Amino acid sequence: MIKSTNPGSYALVTWTADSGNVTPRFKACFFSFAAQVRGFLRGCRPIVGIDGAHLSGYYKGILLTAVAIDGNNEIFPLAYSIVSTESMDTWSYFFRSLKALFVQHGCQRDDWTFISDRMRGVESALYDVFPKAVRRVCAQHLYTNCRQAGYSGTAFHDLFWVAADAYNPYVFNKAMEKIGKLIPEAVGYLDKVPEQWSRHKFDVGVTCDHNTTNFVESFNACTKPFRDLPVLSLLEEIRSWCMTKIGARFDKAVDIGPDQLTPYATKELEERSADSRFCYATNAGGGEFEVLDGHVKFPIRLAARVCGCGKWQGCGIPCKHAIRVIYHQRLNPTDFVSPYFKGAAYKLTYSEHIHPMPDSTQWPTFELPRILPPLMRRAAGRPAKQRRRGAHEKKRGKRNTTVKCGKCKQIGHNSRTCKGGSTAKQRKESAAAAAGSAGASTSGARKRKAPTSNASSSKKSKAA
């Protein structure tokens, strides 16, 4: 039905049959609509985030997803699959289907960049299907692994993220040097990580500096309300969600100009332009410049779009040093932004939309066998709905334990329950504190006066 309503889409359902029963049972499925794969190949950066999420309904399983990022830095779902477990075989099934999807649309590329956490079976399955692929590991999950290995502390946390967010080798090496002085074993642990996790190691051709899987987790959060539904209802909800998102952006892409920047790129350029006011550019000749930022100098080659800090070539948007040079040369910063962040690429990404489908009751009959659900064993007790957090993960709760009112700026209530000031309990506590401080000051004054009276009495006795 998907292929008939959305020509060019890829839909694959596999099933197996037990030896003693000829009735087939569900094994796995893989789906990607034509608007998704064509939009990714035409206008998105060549990076794919992959992740798995557990189903919490009656029939358990894993929802595998592949998510890309569009020119507006928004998530772009590429494909999704439902498998029984998370293993090398299921990931191989997912990657083979993904490669067949690309080949179906005439793309033979193998050097894609994939980012994920350190899940079981991903590495072997990935390089088996995409031998030239580049793999990034989520820095947040890597830091969690470091904590589980015994490397923790506030200082290590800060230095780790300095190293992970470093755009050039100098900052990375300085951070690793400080980590070595703090925890020498942590340096050896991080050096043995085969995946890319620091930004200075990323391929500049990808034009993406994401070192976490937060954008994939965002898609998992959107599908969480549906993951306790039956498989068919779950797939329908995901299809409807993707259709709504892509449809809204399809209408938005009509009004954007081919050379116009996306809202994300525009905001980034404005913020960096404001920061460039504190930089000073010096022309070195031959299209090369030297920019002073505080007490540090950065070389810039404008024609090659390279800055010594590494941020420009890492993310595709000019850094504050490059913007200072661009303004110094009376040029337009928009001309130096990567094409991925312009309207032409955004239009190609959303040049198509997912076509609607009729209700399942109106589907025509197909000559296919009836597929039964997979065999399963229910565990004792109520099925878990929430993910079990690790020993080193923070407990779920409010972001801020202290509530501050936006109207009266008092602590202890919010603007909805504000009654014009502090609460009665707070006024009582403040009055008691004021009385206590007043009493303490009075007693202190009495104590200070006592030596004076003794001294005066002694003077009088001497005079007598």
Protein backbone atom coordinates (compact mmCIF):
# COMPACT_ATOMS: atom_id res chain seq x y z
CA MET A 1 0.00 0.00 0.00
CA ILE A 2 2.92 2.33 0.74
CA LYS A 3 4.44 1.71 -2.69
CA SER A 4 1.15 2.34 -4.47
CA THR A 5 0.41 5.66 -2.73
CA ASN A 6 4.05 6.83 -2.58
CA PRO A 7 5.91 5.53 -5.66
CA GLY A 8 9.63 5.09 -5.08
CA SER A 9 9.25 4.21 -1.40
CA TYR A 10 11.01 1.24 0.15
CA ALA A 11 8.93 -1.16 2.25
CA LEU A 12 10.22 -4.54 3.36
CA VAL A 13 8.52 -7.04 5.68
CA THR A 14 10.21 -10.32 6.52
CA TRP A 15 8.75 -13.34 8.25
CA THR A 16 9.76 -16.83 9.23
CA ALA A 17 7.97 -20.17 9.62
CA ASP A 18 8.56 -22.69 12.38
CA SER A 19 9.45 -26.25 11.42
CA GLY A 20 6.31 -27.66 12.99
CA ASN A 21 3.97 -24.92 11.79
CA VAL A 22 3.52 -23.65 8.24
CA THR A 23 1.95 -20.38 9.38
CA PRO A 24 4.59 -17.61 9.07
CA ARG A 25 5.45 -15.34 11.95
CA PHE A 26 6.63 -11.76 11.90
CA LYS A 27 10.42 -11.24 12.01
CA ALA A 28 11.28 -7.67 11.00
CA CYS A 29 10.26 -4.72 8.82
CA PHE A 30 11.93 -1.69 7.24
CA PHE A 31 10.27 1.46 5.82
CA SER A 32 11.39 4.64 4.11
CA PHE A 33 9.20 6.89 2.00
CA ALA A 34 10.34 8.34 -1.30
CA ALA A 35 10.16 11.90 0.02
CA GLN A 36 12.52 10.95 2.84
CA VAL A 37 15.28 9.22 0.91
CA ARG A 38 15.18 11.65 -2.03
CA GLY A 39 15.24 14.65 0.27
CA PHE A 40 18.22 13.22 2.14
CA LEU A 41 20.22 12.44 -0.99
CA ARG A 42 19.47 15.79 -2.61
CA GLY A 43 19.86 18.37 0.13
CA CYS A 44 21.05 16.97 3.49
CA ARG A 45 24.58 16.66 4.80
CA PRO A 46 26.08 13.15 4.44
CA ILE A 47 25.73 12.18 8.10
CA VAL A 48 23.22 9.71 9.56
CA GLY A 49 22.40 9.22 13.23
CA ILE A 50 21.29 5.73 14.22
CA ASP A 51 19.78 4.50 17.46
CA GLY A 52 17.48 1.86 18.89
CA ALA A 53 14.54 2.22 21.28
CA HIS A 54 12.68 -0.53 23.11
CA LEU A 55 8.98 -1.13 22.48
CA SER A 56 6.90 -1.11 25.65
CA GLY A 57 3.70 -2.72 24.36
CA TYR A 58 2.43 -6.29 24.61
CA TYR A 59 4.83 -7.52 21.92
CA LYS A 60 8.40 -6.47 22.69
CA GLY A 61 10.96 -5.45 20.14
CA ILE A 62 13.40 -2.73 19.10
CA LEU A 63 12.63 0.32 16.96
CA LEU A 64 15.75 1.11 14.90
CA THR A 65 15.87 4.58 13.34
CA ALA A 66 18.08 6.49 10.93
CA VAL A 67 17.82 10.27 11.28
CA ALA A 68 19.52 13.03 9.26
CA ILE A 69 19.76 16.81 9.74
CA ASP A 70 18.42 19.39 7.28
CA GLY A 71 19.80 22.85 6.53
CA ASN A 72 17.79 24.40 9.35
CA ASN A 73 19.40 22.04 11.88
CA GLU A 74 16.13 20.14 12.32
CA ILE A 75 15.73 16.38 12.44
CA PHE A 76 14.93 14.67 9.16
CA PRO A 77 13.74 11.04 9.62
CA LEU A 78 15.28 8.86 6.93
CA ALA A 79 14.18 5.31 7.73
CA TYR A 80 12.90 3.17 10.59
CA SER A 81 12.70 -0.53 11.29
CA ILE A 82 11.25 -2.92 13.87
CA VAL A 83 13.32 -5.94 14.85
CA SER A 84 13.19 -8.52 17.61
CA THR A 85 16.45 -7.76 19.42
CA GLU A 86 19.45 -5.47 19.15
CA SER A 87 22.25 -7.64 17.77
CA MET A 88 24.71 -7.86 14.90
CA ASP A 89 22.19 -9.75 12.75
CA THR A 90 19.42 -7.18 13.19
CA TRP A 91 21.79 -4.26 12.59
CA SER A 92 23.07 -6.02 9.46
CA TYR A 93 19.46 -6.33 8.30
CA PHE A 94 18.98 -2.60 8.93
CA PHE A 95 22.16 -1.50 7.12
CA ARG A 96 21.56 -3.83 4.17
CA SER A 97 18.09 -2.40 3.76
CA LEU A 98 19.50 1.12 4.01
CA LYS A 99 22.08 0.41 1.31
CA ALA A 100 19.45 -1.19 -0.93
CA LEU A 101 17.38 1.95 -0.42
CA PHE A 102 20.26 4.14 -1.64
CA VAL A 103 21.00 1.87 -4.60
CA GLN A 104 17.34 1.94 -5.60
CA HIS A 105 17.67 5.71 -6.07
CA GLY A 106 20.95 5.51 -7.96
CA CYS A 107 23.38 6.26 -5.10
CA GLN A 108 26.39 3.93 -4.86
CA ARG A 109 28.18 5.93 -2.17
CA ASP A 110 29.79 4.00 0.71
CA ASP A 111 31.68 6.69 2.63
CA TRP A 112 28.78 7.92 4.74
CA THR A 113 29.34 9.26 8.25
CA PHE A 114 27.35 7.50 10.97
CA ILE A 115 27.04 8.64 14.58
CA SER A 116 25.67 6.48 17.38
CA ASP A 117 26.42 5.28 20.86
CA ARG A 118 28.44 2.13 21.47
CA MET A 119 25.61 -0.33 20.89
CA ARG A 120 26.13 -4.05 20.47
CA GLY A 121 26.78 -5.26 16.96
CA VAL A 122 26.76 -1.84 15.29
CA GLU A 123 30.44 -1.61 14.38
CA SER A 124 30.78 -5.05 12.76
CA ALA A 125 27.49 -4.74 10.90
CA LEU A 126 28.25 -1.21 9.69
CA TYR A 127 31.67 -1.95 8.19
CA ASP A 128 30.37 -5.17 6.67
CA VAL A 129 27.79 -3.24 4.62
CA PHE A 130 29.55 0.15 4.30
CA PRO A 131 33.30 -0.62 4.26
CA LYS A 132 34.33 3.02 3.74
CA ALA A 133 31.98 4.49 6.33
CA VAL A 134 33.24 6.85 9.04
CA ARG A 135 31.85 6.29 12.49
CA ARG A 136 31.44 8.87 15.22
CA VAL A 137 30.58 7.97 18.78
CA CYS A 138 28.30 10.09 20.95
CA ALA A 139 30.48 12.07 23.34
CA GLN A 140 27.80 11.97 26.05
CA HIS A 141 27.71 8.16 25.99
CA LEU A 142 31.50 8.07 25.92
CA TYR A 143 31.62 10.25 29.04
CA THR A 144 29.16 7.86 30.71
CA ASN A 145 31.49 4.98 29.86
CA CYS A 146 34.35 6.93 31.43
CA ARG A 147 32.37 7.36 34.63
CA GLN A 148 31.58 3.65 34.69
CA ALA A 149 35.32 2.97 34.33
CA GLY A 150 35.99 5.13 37.40
CA TYR A 151 37.04 8.41 35.76
CA SER A 152 34.81 11.13 37.17
CA GLY A 153 34.83 14.46 38.97
CA THR A 154 34.00 18.02 38.10
CA ALA A 155 37.45 18.79 36.75
CA PHE A 156 37.46 15.70 34.53
CA HIS A 157 33.96 16.54 33.28
CA ASP A 158 34.97 20.05 32.24
CA LEU A 159 38.23 18.96 30.59
CA PHE A 160 36.53 16.09 28.76
CA TRP A 161 34.03 18.42 27.12
CA VAL A 162 36.77 20.90 26.26
CA ALA A 163 38.52 18.09 24.41
CA ALA A 164 35.29 16.85 22.79
CA ASP A 165 34.31 20.33 21.56
CA ALA A 166 37.82 21.28 20.40
CA TYR A 167 37.90 22.38 16.75
CA ASN A 168 41.72 22.31 16.48
CA PRO A 169 44.45 19.95 17.70
CA TYR A 170 46.07 22.54 19.99
CA VAL A 171 43.02 22.92 22.27
CA PHE A 172 42.47 19.15 22.22
CA ASN A 173 46.07 18.36 23.19
CA LYS A 174 46.08 20.94 25.98
CA ALA A 175 42.88 19.47 27.44
CA MET A 176 44.23 15.92 27.19
CA GLU A 177 47.46 17.05 28.84
CA LYS A 178 45.53 18.42 31.81
CA ILE A 179 43.45 15.22 31.97
CA GLY A 180 46.73 13.27 32.07
CA LYS A 181 47.90 15.25 35.07
CA LEU A 182 44.54 14.75 36.78
CA ILE A 183 43.79 11.08 35.88
CA PRO A 184 46.59 9.46 33.85
CA GLU A 185 44.57 6.28 33.19
CA ALA A 186 41.79 8.28 31.52
CA VAL A 187 44.11 9.43 28.72
CA GLY A 188 44.98 5.85 27.82
CA TYR A 189 41.31 4.92 27.90
CA LEU A 190 40.32 7.77 25.56
CA ASP A 191 43.25 7.13 23.19
CA LYS A 192 42.01 3.58 22.64
CA VAL A 193 38.58 4.73 21.43
CA PRO A 194 38.52 3.80 17.71
CA GLU A 195 35.61 6.07 16.79
CA GLN A 196 35.76 9.82 16.26
CA TRP A 197 34.54 11.82 19.26
CA SER A 198 36.40 15.15 19.12
CA ARG A 199 35.41 17.80 16.61
CA HIS A 200 38.94 18.45 15.34
CA LYS A 201 38.96 14.90 13.88
CA PHE A 202 35.75 15.33 11.89
CA ASP A 203 35.80 15.40 8.10
CA VAL A 204 35.35 18.99 6.93
CA GLY A 205 33.47 17.76 3.85
CA VAL A 206 30.60 16.58 6.04
CA THR A 207 30.09 20.17 7.30
CA CYS A 208 28.57 18.97 10.56
CA ASP A 209 30.04 19.38 14.05
CA HIS A 210 27.53 17.26 15.96
CA ASN A 211 29.38 15.06 18.44
CA THR A 212 26.30 13.76 20.28
CA THR A 213 23.21 11.81 19.24
CA ASN A 214 20.83 14.36 20.73
CA PHE A 215 19.03 14.82 17.41
CA VAL A 216 18.33 11.07 17.24
CA GLU A 217 17.17 11.07 20.85
CA SER A 218 14.80 13.89 19.92
CA PHE A 219 13.13 11.63 17.36
CA ASN A 220 12.95 8.82 19.94
CA ALA A 221 11.23 11.23 22.32
CA CYS A 222 8.65 12.03 19.64
CA THR A 223 7.90 8.33 19.10
CA LYS A 224 7.82 7.42 22.78
CA PRO A 225 4.02 7.92 23.18
CA PHE A 226 3.48 5.40 20.35
CA ARG A 227 5.90 2.66 21.37
CA ASP A 228 3.36 0.86 23.55
CA LEU A 229 0.94 0.40 20.63
CA PRO A 230 0.60 -2.68 18.41
CA VAL A 231 3.05 -2.83 15.52
CA LEU A 232 0.63 -1.73 12.81
CA SER A 233 -0.68 1.17 14.91
CA LEU A 234 2.89 2.16 15.81
CA LEU A 235 3.95 2.27 12.16
CA GLU A 236 0.87 4.28 11.26
CA GLU A 237 1.56 6.85 13.98
CA ILE A 238 5.18 7.25 12.89
CA ARG A 239 4.10 7.64 9.26
CA SER A 240 1.53 10.27 10.25
CA TRP A 241 4.11 12.16 12.35
CA CYS A 242 6.65 12.19 9.51
CA MET A 243 3.98 13.23 7.01
CA THR A 244 2.94 16.18 9.19
CA LYS A 245 6.48 17.44 9.76
CA ILE A 246 7.64 17.09 6.17
CA GLY A 247 4.38 18.59 4.88
CA ALA A 248 4.75 21.71 7.02
CA ARG A 249 8.35 22.21 5.89
CA PHE A 250 7.36 21.53 2.27
CA ASP A 251 5.02 24.54 2.41
CA LYS A 252 7.71 26.58 4.18
CA ALA A 253 10.33 25.80 1.54
CA VAL A 254 8.18 27.32 -1.20
CA ASP A 255 8.65 30.85 0.15
CA ILE A 256 12.41 30.70 0.78
CA GLY A 257 14.77 32.06 -1.87
CA PRO A 258 17.57 29.93 -3.36
CA ASP A 259 20.33 32.16 -1.92
CA GLN A 260 18.51 32.94 1.33
CA LEU A 261 19.89 31.48 4.54
CA THR A 262 17.84 29.19 6.71
CA PRO A 263 16.67 30.63 10.05
CA TYR A 264 19.28 28.58 11.93
CA ALA A 265 22.16 29.85 9.78
CA THR A 266 20.85 33.41 10.02
CA LYS A 267 20.76 33.26 13.82
CA GLU A 268 24.25 31.76 14.03
CA LEU A 269 25.63 34.40 11.67
CA GLU A 270 24.09 37.23 13.71
CA GLU A 271 25.51 35.92 16.98
CA ARG A 272 28.99 35.47 15.53
CA SER A 273 28.83 38.89 13.91
CA ALA A 274 28.19 40.42 17.31
CA ASP A 275 31.17 38.53 18.77
CA SER A 276 33.42 39.65 15.92
CA ARG A 277 33.39 43.25 17.20
CA PHE A 278 36.13 42.38 19.68
CA CYS A 279 38.44 40.92 17.00
CA TYR A 280 41.03 42.84 14.95
CA ALA A 281 42.05 41.81 11.42
CA THR A 282 45.39 42.48 9.72
CA ASN A 283 45.92 41.99 5.99
CA ALA A 284 48.94 39.78 5.27
CA GLY A 285 48.54 39.87 1.48
CA GLY A 286 47.68 37.16 -1.00
CA GLY A 287 44.22 36.66 0.46
CA GLU A 288 45.61 35.75 3.88
CA PHE A 289 44.84 37.55 7.12
CA GLU A 290 45.74 37.50 10.79
CA VAL A 291 43.01 38.06 13.37
CA LEU A 292 43.71 39.00 16.97
CA ASP A 293 41.14 37.66 19.43
CA GLY A 294 42.14 38.72 22.92
CA HIS A 295 45.75 37.60 23.23
CA VAL A 296 45.55 34.86 20.57
CA LYS A 297 46.18 35.24 16.83
CA PHE A 298 44.46 33.11 14.19
CA PRO A 299 45.56 32.84 10.51
CA ILE A 300 42.78 32.95 7.92
CA ARG A 301 42.73 32.07 4.23
CA LEU A 302 39.58 33.61 2.86
CA ALA A 303 39.56 31.89 -0.54
CA ALA A 304 40.06 28.44 1.01
CA ARG A 305 37.53 29.21 3.77
CA VAL A 306 39.93 28.10 6.48
CA CYS A 307 40.43 29.61 9.94
CA GLY A 308 43.07 28.64 12.48
CA CYS A 309 40.44 28.04 15.16
CA GLY A 310 38.89 25.29 13.00
CA LYS A 311 35.28 26.24 13.61
CA TRP A 312 34.56 27.64 10.14
CA GLN A 313 35.55 24.54 8.22
CA GLY A 314 34.03 22.28 10.88
CA CYS A 315 30.47 23.62 10.80
CA GLY A 316 30.25 25.42 7.43
CA ILE A 317 29.30 28.82 8.87
CA PRO A 318 32.00 31.54 9.19
CA CYS A 319 33.38 31.93 12.71
CA LYS A 320 33.77 35.31 14.37
CA HIS A 321 37.37 35.61 13.14
CA ALA A 322 36.34 34.99 9.53
CA ILE A 323 33.43 37.42 9.82
CA ARG A 324 35.83 40.10 11.05
CA VAL A 325 37.93 39.59 7.91
CA ILE A 326 34.85 39.52 5.67
CA TYR A 327 33.65 42.83 7.07
CA HIS A 328 37.19 44.20 6.80
CA GLN A 329 37.12 43.42 3.07
CA ARG A 330 33.63 44.89 2.61
CA LEU A 331 32.16 41.51 1.61
CA ASN A 332 28.89 39.77 2.44
CA PRO A 333 29.15 36.94 5.04
CA THR A 334 26.24 35.12 3.37
CA ASP A 335 28.45 34.33 0.38
CA PHE A 336 30.82 32.36 2.61
CA VAL A 337 28.19 30.08 4.19
CA SER A 338 28.04 26.44 3.09
CA PRO A 339 25.38 25.68 0.43
CA TYR A 340 23.80 23.16 2.82
CA PHE A 341 22.41 26.10 4.85
CA LYS A 342 20.88 27.98 1.92
CA GLY A 343 17.44 27.92 0.38
CA ALA A 344 18.44 25.91 -2.69
CA ALA A 345 19.44 22.89 -0.60
CA TYR A 346 16.44 23.36 1.68
CA LYS A 347 14.14 23.31 -1.34
CA LEU A 348 15.75 20.10 -2.59
CA THR A 349 15.36 18.51 0.83
CA TYR A 350 11.64 19.25 0.89
CA SER A 351 10.93 19.14 -2.83
CA GLU A 352 8.55 16.23 -2.17
CA HIS A 353 6.16 15.32 0.60
CA ILE A 354 4.63 12.10 1.89
CA HIS A 355 1.32 11.42 0.20
CA PRO A 356 -1.63 10.45 2.42
CA MET A 357 -2.92 6.91 2.69
CA PRO A 358 -6.46 5.60 3.22
CA ASP A 359 -7.54 3.81 6.35
CA SER A 360 -6.51 0.16 6.68
CA THR A 361 -10.15 -0.90 6.39
CA GLN A 362 -10.19 0.48 2.83
CA TRP A 363 -7.05 -1.29 1.63
CA PRO A 364 -7.47 -3.70 -1.27
CA THR A 365 -6.86 -7.40 -0.74
CA PHE A 366 -3.40 -8.73 -1.56
CA GLU A 367 -2.41 -12.33 -2.17
CA LEU A 368 -0.10 -12.57 0.82
CA PRO A 369 -0.02 -15.08 3.67
CA ARG A 370 -1.41 -14.15 7.03
CA ILE A 371 1.47 -13.31 9.35
CA LEU A 372 1.16 -14.17 13.02
CA PRO A 373 2.87 -12.21 15.80
CA PRO A 374 6.26 -13.49 17.00
CA LEU A 375 6.45 -15.98 19.83
CA MET A 376 7.24 -14.35 23.12
CA ARG A 377 7.59 -15.04 26.81
CA ARG A 378 6.03 -12.60 29.19
CA ALA A 379 8.09 -11.83 32.27
CA ALA A 380 6.53 -11.82 35.71
CA GLY A 381 5.12 -8.55 36.94
CA ARG A 382 3.89 -5.44 35.22
CA PRO A 383 5.73 -4.52 32.00
CA ALA A 384 8.13 -1.62 32.43
CA LYS A 385 7.18 1.61 30.65
CA GLN A 386 10.18 3.73 31.65
CA ARG A 387 13.78 3.06 30.73
CA ARG A 388 15.97 1.87 33.56
CA ARG A 389 18.61 4.45 34.28
CA GLY A 390 22.19 3.45 34.90
CA ALA A 391 23.98 3.76 38.21
CA HIS A 392 25.83 6.89 37.04
CA GLU A 393 22.86 8.58 35.34
CA LYS A 394 20.98 11.43 36.93
CA LYS A 395 17.56 10.68 38.32
CA ARG A 396 14.61 12.06 36.45
CA GLY A 397 13.15 15.17 38.03
CA LYS A 398 12.75 18.89 37.70
CA ARG A 399 15.51 20.79 35.99
CA ASN A 400 15.59 23.39 38.79
CA THR A 401 14.81 22.36 42.34
CA THR A 402 14.30 25.99 43.34
CA VAL A 403 11.35 27.76 41.71
CA LYS A 404 11.66 31.50 41.14
CA CYS A 405 8.72 33.75 40.30
CA GLY A 406 8.97 35.72 37.09
CA LYS A 407 6.86 38.61 38.41
CA CYS A 408 8.10 39.43 41.91
CA LYS A 409 11.45 37.59 41.55
CA GLN A 410 10.85 35.80 44.85
CA ILE A 411 11.83 32.16 45.42
CA GLY A 412 9.30 29.51 46.43
CA HIS A 413 6.49 29.99 43.90
CA ASN A 414 5.94 30.69 40.19
CA SER A 415 4.17 33.45 38.30
CA ARG A 416 0.88 31.49 38.13
CA THR A 417 0.59 31.23 41.91
CA CYS A 418 2.09 34.65 42.62
CA LYS A 419 0.13 36.78 45.10
CA GLY A 420 2.13 39.93 44.70
CA GLY A 421 5.22 39.08 46.69
CA SER A 422 6.68 36.57 49.07
CA THR A 423 4.49 33.99 50.77
CA ALA A 424 3.39 34.17 54.41
CA LYS A 425 5.90 31.49 55.35
CA GLN A 426 8.70 33.41 53.67
CA ARG A 427 7.67 36.67 55.39
CA LYS A 428 7.64 34.87 58.74
CA GLU A 429 11.06 33.37 58.13
CA SER A 430 12.51 36.68 56.95
CA ALA A 431 11.03 38.47 60.00
CA ALA A 432 12.51 35.84 62.31
CA ALA A 433 15.86 36.15 60.59
CA ALA A 434 15.71 39.94 60.86
CA ALA A 435 14.81 39.74 64.54
CA GLY A 436 17.63 37.29 65.13
CA SER A 437 20.12 39.50 63.37
CA ALA A 438 18.86 42.56 65.28
CA GLY A 439 19.19 40.70 68.59
CA ALA A 440 22.67 39.56 67.67
CA SER A 441 23.70 43.09 66.78
CA THR A 442 22.27 44.47 70.04
CA SER A 443 24.08 41.87 72.16
CA GLY A 444 27.26 42.56 70.22
CA ALA A 445 26.89 46.26 70.92
CA ARG A 446 26.41 45.57 74.61
CA LYS A 447 29.51 43.43 74.64
CA ARG A 448 31.49 46.14 72.92
CA LYS A 449 30.28 48.76 75.42
CA ALA A 450 31.27 46.73 78.47
CA PRO A 451 35.05 47.28 78.25
CA THR A 452 34.42 50.98 77.78
CA SER A 453 32.50 51.22 81.07
CA ASN A 454 35.20 49.25 82.91
CA ALA A 455 37.88 51.46 81.46
CA SER A 456 36.01 54.62 82.49
CA SER A 457 35.49 53.31 86.04
CA SER A 458 39.17 52.50 86.35
CA LYS A 459 40.06 56.03 85.23
CA LYS A 460 37.72 57.46 87.89
CA SER A 461 39.28 55.28 90.59
CA LYS A 462 42.76 56.46 89.61
CA ALA A 463 41.62 60.10 89.69
CA ALA A 464 40.19 59.56 93.16
